[in-house]
């Protein structure tokens, strides 16, 4: 784990962290080790009051890490029956709807 940046102002501290490694032990105490490598960033915000941690917020790249470890699989192509042929595309079947979508 590498601390990339720390910023403190008043009672707030913000930390940006980069983590990388190989999953060799149980993942979150539930899943068996994958033996795969991962790399992910996190941001942590701390509020300190009277010299003690009062609050903590975090934003973590859990989804990319789980994909790298093979715990989750990326979505695949949709089933072929959901793929639209060009003549069935919404812009040809519903021109007014397609025009509205382009203006947004």
Foldseek 3Di string as FASTA:
>chain_A
DDWPDWDDDDQKIKTKDKDKDAFCQADVVPHGGQRFIFIWMKMKMFGDDPNHTDDMDMDIPPVRRCCRSVVDDDDDDDPPVPDDDPCRDCCNVPVVVVVVVVVD
